[in-house]
Protein backbone atom coordinates (compact mmCIF):
# COMPACT_ATOMS: atom_id res chain seq x y z
CA MET A 1 230.05 -3.87 28.08
CA SER A 2 226.67 -5.25 29.14
CA GLY A 3 226.80 -6.23 32.80
CA LEU A 4 224.40 -8.12 35.03
CA SER A 5 222.66 -6.33 37.85
CA PRO A 6 223.44 -7.81 41.28
CA SER A 7 219.68 -7.83 41.87
CA VAL A 8 218.92 -10.45 39.19
CA ARG A 9 217.88 -13.93 40.20
CA VAL A 10 220.62 -16.39 39.24
CA PHE A 11 220.10 -20.16 39.17
CA VAL A 12 223.29 -22.22 39.45
CA ALA A 13 222.36 -25.73 38.34
CA GLY A 14 224.75 -28.18 39.96
CA HIS A 15 225.91 -25.94 42.79
CA ARG A 16 227.31 -28.86 44.83
CA GLY A 17 229.65 -29.90 42.04
CA MET A 18 233.11 -28.44 41.66
CA VAL A 19 232.14 -25.97 38.93
CA GLY A 20 228.80 -25.01 40.43
CA ALA A 21 230.32 -24.36 43.85
CA ALA A 22 232.99 -22.17 42.28
CA LEU A 23 230.30 -20.22 40.44
CA VAL A 24 228.41 -19.63 43.68
CA ARG A 25 231.62 -18.37 45.32
CA ARG A 26 232.32 -16.03 42.41
CA LEU A 27 228.78 -14.70 42.21
CA SER A 28 228.69 -14.12 45.97
CA ALA A 29 231.99 -12.25 45.81
CA ALA A 30 230.58 -10.09 43.00
CA GLY A 31 227.64 -9.09 45.19
CA PHE A 32 224.78 -11.02 43.61
CA LYS A 33 221.92 -11.07 46.11
CA HIS A 34 219.63 -13.79 44.77
CA ILE A 35 221.54 -16.99 44.00
CA LEU A 36 219.16 -19.92 43.60
CA THR A 37 220.50 -23.38 44.48
CA HIS A 38 218.82 -26.74 44.96
CA SER A 39 220.48 -30.03 45.86
CA ARG A 40 219.79 -33.21 43.89
CA THR A 41 217.39 -34.42 46.58
CA GLU A 42 215.50 -31.12 46.41
CA LEU A 43 215.41 -30.92 42.61
CA ASP A 44 216.12 -33.85 40.29
CA LEU A 45 217.23 -32.19 37.06
CA THR A 46 216.54 -35.39 35.10
CA ASN A 47 212.84 -35.04 36.06
CA GLN A 48 211.15 -32.78 33.53
CA ALA A 49 208.06 -32.06 35.62
CA ALA A 50 210.16 -31.13 38.65
CA VAL A 51 212.38 -28.81 36.61
CA ASP A 52 209.38 -27.12 34.98
CA ALA A 53 207.80 -26.55 38.39
CA PHE A 54 211.03 -25.06 39.76
CA PHE A 55 211.30 -22.52 36.93
CA VAL A 56 207.64 -21.53 37.27
CA ALA A 57 208.03 -21.01 41.02
CA GLU A 58 211.45 -19.35 41.14
CA ARG A 59 211.55 -17.40 37.86
CA PRO A 60 215.32 -17.00 37.51
CA ASP A 61 216.66 -14.31 35.19
CA VAL A 62 220.02 -15.98 34.51
CA VAL A 63 221.01 -19.66 34.49
CA PHE A 64 224.46 -21.21 34.76
CA LEU A 65 224.03 -24.82 33.65
CA ALA A 66 226.93 -26.56 35.41
CA ALA A 67 225.07 -29.71 36.43
CA ALA A 68 226.38 -32.83 34.71
CA LYS A 69 227.44 -36.40 35.25
CA VAL A 70 231.23 -36.29 34.92
CA GLY A 71 234.21 -38.58 35.42
CA GLY A 72 237.53 -39.79 34.08
CA ILE A 73 238.39 -42.52 31.58
CA LEU A 74 237.42 -45.36 33.92
CA ALA A 75 234.01 -43.91 34.80
CA ASN A 76 233.24 -43.02 31.18
CA SER A 77 234.22 -46.48 30.00
CA THR A 78 232.26 -48.26 32.73
CA TYR A 79 229.03 -46.24 32.62
CA PRO A 80 228.61 -44.93 29.05
CA ALA A 81 224.82 -45.28 29.13
CA GLU A 82 224.49 -43.17 32.27
CA PHE A 83 226.85 -40.54 30.88
CA ILE A 84 224.80 -39.94 27.74
CA ARG A 85 221.36 -40.51 29.29
CA ASP A 86 221.72 -38.34 32.39
CA ASN A 87 223.48 -35.48 30.63
CA LEU A 88 220.98 -35.36 27.77
CA ALA A 89 218.10 -35.34 30.26
CA ILE A 90 219.58 -32.57 32.41
CA GLN A 91 220.33 -30.35 29.43
CA ASP A 92 217.00 -30.90 27.72
CA ASN A 93 214.99 -30.21 30.86
CA VAL A 94 216.87 -27.13 32.02
CA ILE A 95 217.27 -25.41 28.64
CA HIS A 96 213.65 -25.99 27.62
CA ALA A 97 212.26 -24.96 31.01
CA ALA A 98 214.44 -21.83 30.95
CA TRP A 99 213.00 -20.82 27.59
CA LYS A 100 209.42 -21.48 28.71
CA ALA A 101 210.00 -19.37 31.82
CA GLY A 102 211.43 -16.47 29.80
CA VAL A 103 215.01 -16.74 31.09
CA ARG A 104 217.00 -14.11 29.21
CA ARG A 105 220.54 -15.39 29.78
CA LEU A 106 221.88 -18.94 30.01
CA VAL A 107 225.47 -20.16 30.13
CA PHE A 108 225.89 -23.83 29.20
CA LEU A 109 229.04 -25.55 30.47
CA GLY A 110 230.52 -28.16 28.17
CA SER A 111 233.89 -29.86 27.89
CA SER A 112 236.92 -29.90 25.60
CA CYS A 113 236.13 -33.55 24.82
CA ILE A 114 233.57 -32.28 22.30
CA TYR A 115 236.41 -31.86 19.81
CA PRO A 116 237.67 -34.68 17.55
CA ARG A 117 240.17 -37.16 18.96
CA ASP A 118 242.77 -36.19 16.37
CA CYS A 119 241.84 -32.53 16.30
CA PRO A 120 244.45 -30.00 15.11
CA GLN A 121 246.19 -28.38 18.06
CA PRO A 122 245.36 -26.03 19.59
CA MET A 123 241.65 -26.80 19.22
CA ARG A 124 239.58 -23.94 17.86
CA GLU A 125 235.84 -23.55 18.21
CA GLU A 126 235.33 -24.15 14.50
CA HIS A 127 236.90 -27.62 14.81
CA LEU A 128 233.66 -28.91 16.34
CA LEU A 129 232.20 -31.85 14.37
CA THR A 130 235.15 -32.08 11.97
CA GLY A 131 236.23 -35.62 12.92
CA PRO A 132 235.59 -38.73 15.07
CA LEU A 133 235.47 -38.38 18.85
CA GLU A 134 237.72 -40.09 21.40
CA PRO A 135 236.00 -43.48 21.96
CA THR A 136 236.58 -43.60 25.73
CA ASN A 137 234.31 -40.60 26.37
CA ALA A 138 232.24 -40.36 23.17
CA PRO A 139 228.81 -40.76 24.88
CA TYR A 140 229.57 -37.86 27.24
CA ALA A 141 230.94 -35.77 24.38
CA VAL A 142 227.88 -36.44 22.21
CA ALA A 143 225.63 -35.28 25.05
CA LYS A 144 227.60 -32.06 25.41
CA ILE A 145 227.54 -31.45 21.65
CA ALA A 146 223.76 -31.91 21.79
CA GLY A 147 223.60 -29.25 24.51
CA ILE A 148 225.52 -26.82 22.31
CA ALA A 149 223.23 -27.58 19.38
CA MET A 150 220.17 -27.12 21.58
CA CYS A 151 221.30 -23.68 22.72
CA GLU A 152 222.03 -22.72 19.12
CA ALA A 153 218.63 -23.97 17.95
CA TYR A 154 216.78 -22.05 20.67
CA ASN A 155 218.74 -18.90 19.86
CA ARG A 156 217.85 -19.23 16.19
CA GLN A 157 214.19 -20.17 16.59
CA TYR A 158 213.20 -18.33 19.74
CA GLY A 159 215.65 -15.45 19.93
CA THR A 160 217.12 -16.55 23.24
CA ASP A 161 220.51 -15.36 24.46
CA TYR A 162 222.24 -18.61 25.39
CA ILE A 163 226.00 -19.16 25.14
CA ALA A 164 228.22 -22.21 25.57
CA VAL A 165 231.56 -22.26 27.38
CA MET A 166 233.93 -25.16 26.73
CA PRO A 167 236.45 -25.49 29.56
CA THR A 168 239.60 -27.53 29.46
CA ASN A 169 240.47 -30.05 32.20
CA LEU A 170 239.43 -28.57 35.52
CA TYR A 171 240.66 -29.02 39.07
CA GLY A 172 240.43 -27.24 42.40
CA ALA A 173 238.34 -26.97 45.54
CA GLY A 174 235.56 -29.55 45.71
CA ASP A 175 237.19 -31.93 43.24
CA ASN A 176 236.31 -35.63 43.17
CA TYR A 177 239.08 -37.77 44.68
CA ASP A 178 237.27 -41.07 44.29
CA LEU A 179 239.75 -43.23 42.36
CA SER A 180 236.97 -45.07 40.52
CA GLY A 181 235.48 -41.90 39.09
CA SER A 182 237.92 -39.00 39.33
CA HIS A 183 239.92 -37.22 36.67
CA VAL A 184 243.67 -37.54 36.32
CA LEU A 185 244.89 -34.70 38.56
CA PRO A 186 242.82 -35.40 41.71
CA ALA A 187 243.51 -39.13 41.25
CA MET A 188 247.24 -38.42 41.22
CA ILE A 189 247.03 -36.23 44.31
CA ARG A 190 245.28 -39.00 46.22
CA LYS A 191 247.50 -41.80 44.93
CA PHE A 192 250.78 -40.04 45.69
CA THR A 193 249.61 -38.76 49.08
CA GLU A 194 248.41 -42.16 50.27
CA ALA A 195 251.48 -43.94 48.85
CA ARG A 196 253.72 -41.58 50.80
CA GLU A 197 251.76 -42.17 53.98
CA ARG A 198 251.96 -45.96 53.54
CA GLY A 199 255.64 -45.85 52.65
CA ASP A 200 255.08 -47.46 49.24
CA ALA A 201 258.07 -47.84 46.93
CA THR A 202 256.07 -47.18 43.77
CA VAL A 203 252.92 -45.57 42.40
CA THR A 204 251.36 -47.09 39.29
CA LEU A 205 249.65 -44.76 36.83
CA TRP A 206 247.61 -45.50 33.73
CA GLY A 207 249.00 -45.29 30.21
CA SER A 208 252.35 -44.17 28.88
CA GLY A 209 252.53 -40.69 30.38
CA THR A 210 252.98 -39.16 26.93
CA PRO A 211 249.55 -37.55 26.32
CA ARG A 212 249.45 -33.82 26.88
CA ARG A 213 246.72 -32.05 28.80
CA GLU A 214 245.81 -28.49 29.70
CA PHE A 215 244.54 -27.65 33.19
CA LEU A 216 242.50 -24.72 34.47
CA HIS A 217 241.68 -24.00 38.10
CA VAL A 218 237.94 -24.06 38.66
CA ASP A 219 237.97 -20.61 40.31
CA ASP A 220 239.44 -19.20 37.09
CA LEU A 221 236.67 -20.91 35.10
CA ALA A 222 233.99 -19.39 37.35
CA ASP A 223 235.52 -15.97 36.82
CA ALA A 224 235.55 -16.55 33.05
CA CYS A 225 231.90 -17.63 33.06
CA LEU A 226 230.74 -14.49 34.84
CA PHE A 227 232.97 -12.39 32.58
CA LEU A 228 231.37 -13.94 29.48
CA ALA A 229 227.83 -13.77 30.85
CA GLU A 230 228.27 -10.02 31.22
CA ARG A 231 229.89 -9.40 27.83
CA VAL A 232 229.02 -11.99 25.18
CA HIS A 233 225.61 -12.34 23.59
CA ALA A 234 224.02 -14.64 21.05
CA ASP A 235 223.35 -13.16 17.63
CA HIS A 236 219.91 -14.82 17.44
CA GLY A 237 221.07 -16.97 14.57
CA GLY A 238 224.11 -18.76 15.83
CA MET A 239 226.03 -19.97 18.84
CA PRO A 240 228.68 -18.03 20.74
CA LEU A 241 230.83 -21.08 21.51
CA ILE A 242 233.88 -20.02 23.49
CA ASN A 243 236.81 -22.06 24.78
CA ALA A 244 238.04 -21.44 28.32
CA GLY A 245 241.50 -22.61 29.26
CA TRP A 246 245.04 -21.66 30.12
CA GLY A 247 246.39 -21.87 26.57
CA LYS A 248 249.33 -24.13 27.44
CA ASP A 249 249.63 -27.82 28.23
CA ILE A 250 251.81 -30.36 30.04
CA SER A 251 252.50 -34.06 29.54
CA ILE A 252 250.89 -36.50 31.96
CA ARG A 253 254.41 -37.62 32.90
CA GLU A 254 255.40 -34.04 33.74
CA LEU A 255 252.18 -33.61 35.70
CA ALA A 256 252.91 -36.77 37.69
CA GLU A 257 256.38 -35.47 38.55
CA LEU A 258 254.89 -32.16 39.71
CA VAL A 259 252.31 -33.89 41.92
CA GLN A 260 255.00 -36.24 43.23
CA LYS A 261 257.10 -33.25 44.27
CA ILE A 262 254.22 -31.37 45.89
CA THR A 263 252.93 -34.39 47.83
CA GLY A 264 256.43 -35.42 48.95
CA PHE A 265 256.34 -38.97 47.55
CA SER A 266 259.92 -40.21 47.21
CA GLY A 267 259.32 -43.52 45.43
CA ASP A 268 259.19 -44.41 41.76
CA ILE A 269 256.44 -43.96 39.18
CA VAL A 270 255.42 -47.06 37.18
CA TRP A 271 253.45 -46.58 33.95
CA ASP A 272 250.92 -49.28 33.07
CA ALA A 273 250.92 -49.19 29.27
CA SER A 274 248.13 -51.79 29.14
CA LYS A 275 245.70 -49.05 30.22
CA PRO A 276 244.36 -46.47 27.73
CA ASP A 277 245.97 -43.08 27.21
CA GLY A 278 242.88 -41.38 25.85
CA THR A 279 243.23 -38.50 23.42
CA PRO A 280 246.92 -37.86 22.53
CA ARG A 281 246.67 -34.12 23.12
CA LYS A 282 244.03 -31.65 24.25
CA LEU A 283 245.04 -28.01 24.08
CA LEU A 284 242.42 -25.32 23.58
CA ASP A 285 242.83 -22.25 21.45
CA THR A 286 241.62 -19.55 23.83
CA SER A 287 242.23 -16.58 21.55
CA LYS A 288 238.54 -15.60 21.49
CA LEU A 289 238.40 -15.32 25.27
CA THR A 290 241.79 -13.62 25.48
CA ALA A 291 240.77 -11.07 22.85
CA LEU A 292 237.83 -10.10 25.06
CA GLY A 293 240.29 -9.21 27.83
CA TRP A 294 240.18 -12.24 30.14
CA THR A 295 243.18 -14.29 31.29
CA PRO A 296 243.53 -16.92 34.07
CA ARG A 297 245.33 -16.06 37.31
CA ILE A 298 246.12 -19.35 39.06
CA GLY A 299 249.24 -21.11 37.79
CA LEU A 300 249.38 -24.90 37.74
CA GLU A 301 251.92 -25.40 40.53
CA ASP A 302 250.11 -23.02 42.88
CA GLY A 303 246.82 -24.63 41.93
CA VAL A 304 248.07 -28.16 42.59
CA ARG A 305 249.36 -27.06 46.00
CA GLN A 306 245.91 -25.66 46.78
CA SER A 307 244.29 -28.90 45.58
CA ALA A 308 246.61 -31.06 47.69
CA ALA A 309 245.64 -28.97 50.72
CA ASP A 310 241.98 -29.32 49.74
CA PHE A 311 242.35 -33.11 49.61
CA HIS A 312 243.77 -33.12 53.16
CA ALA A 313 240.90 -30.90 54.32
CA GLU A 314 238.31 -33.18 52.69
CA ARG A 315 239.82 -36.19 54.45
CA GLU A 316 239.72 -34.38 57.77
CA LYS A 317 236.00 -33.75 57.23
CA GLY A 318 235.47 -37.35 56.16
CA THR A 319 234.01 -36.36 52.81
CA VAL A 320 236.47 -38.15 50.49
CA ARG A 321 234.81 -41.18 48.94
CA ALA A 322 236.56 -44.56 49.03
């Protein structure tokens, strides 16, 4: 095993996002002393000159690239240009600046949407680029694929040690509960909670409820990222692309029933089949990660209960967007 010294300087790009915040929590718990974080107002990662100046000034040893523009089907469908433009800019600036500054380790965070829409299940790392993408989030997926390719190219040409982690659907503390931009699980938590409070008879959800999805708590992902950063290295000619997930999935209908139970909503669920389902199934093959000795700890029901409590806490603080 090749660990990281707690004295190294670690830059978490996107520390105010759900994944970045979880990484900061995990690194702090592991005793890392120099965790570098900058908000968007302090450092615009889409600004190449600003990113270059940051790396020259701060000289991080390790980078976790968790910064990204993310969202659910509605956000991806509404703002496809922003999703590809912003993500390409962030990745290009950070990865190139890291190389110029001599950063020895970089972990690039991607998404399971990089795999083909009709990918064999479970999705293995070698399925990348073997078929067409899901149209509703193709611009975002293309950006993430470009980030993987960029890490691979820098490893091959410059001998860097950059790896890419592809997480499944994430949820947990710091999630986005904005109904116009959130993913399915936080959107459900908000919809069912507010419907219960209003006394609504029904909650309407998008699609048919038949697609199957896998969910991983963001604290488990952060643990996996640190685990991989300490154990997996590039071979200077390829790309260690590793899936991170739970290894089991659930239908959207079953998920809705779980959230309904946890939030205490007693009405009926109405499925709006005029809205898109997205990819029929997304289940990651996590055998590479499992073989290295890592497994997730937070089960879905416990995790949803934690997320429902987090939503209530966010409302109390007034930080839930309309």
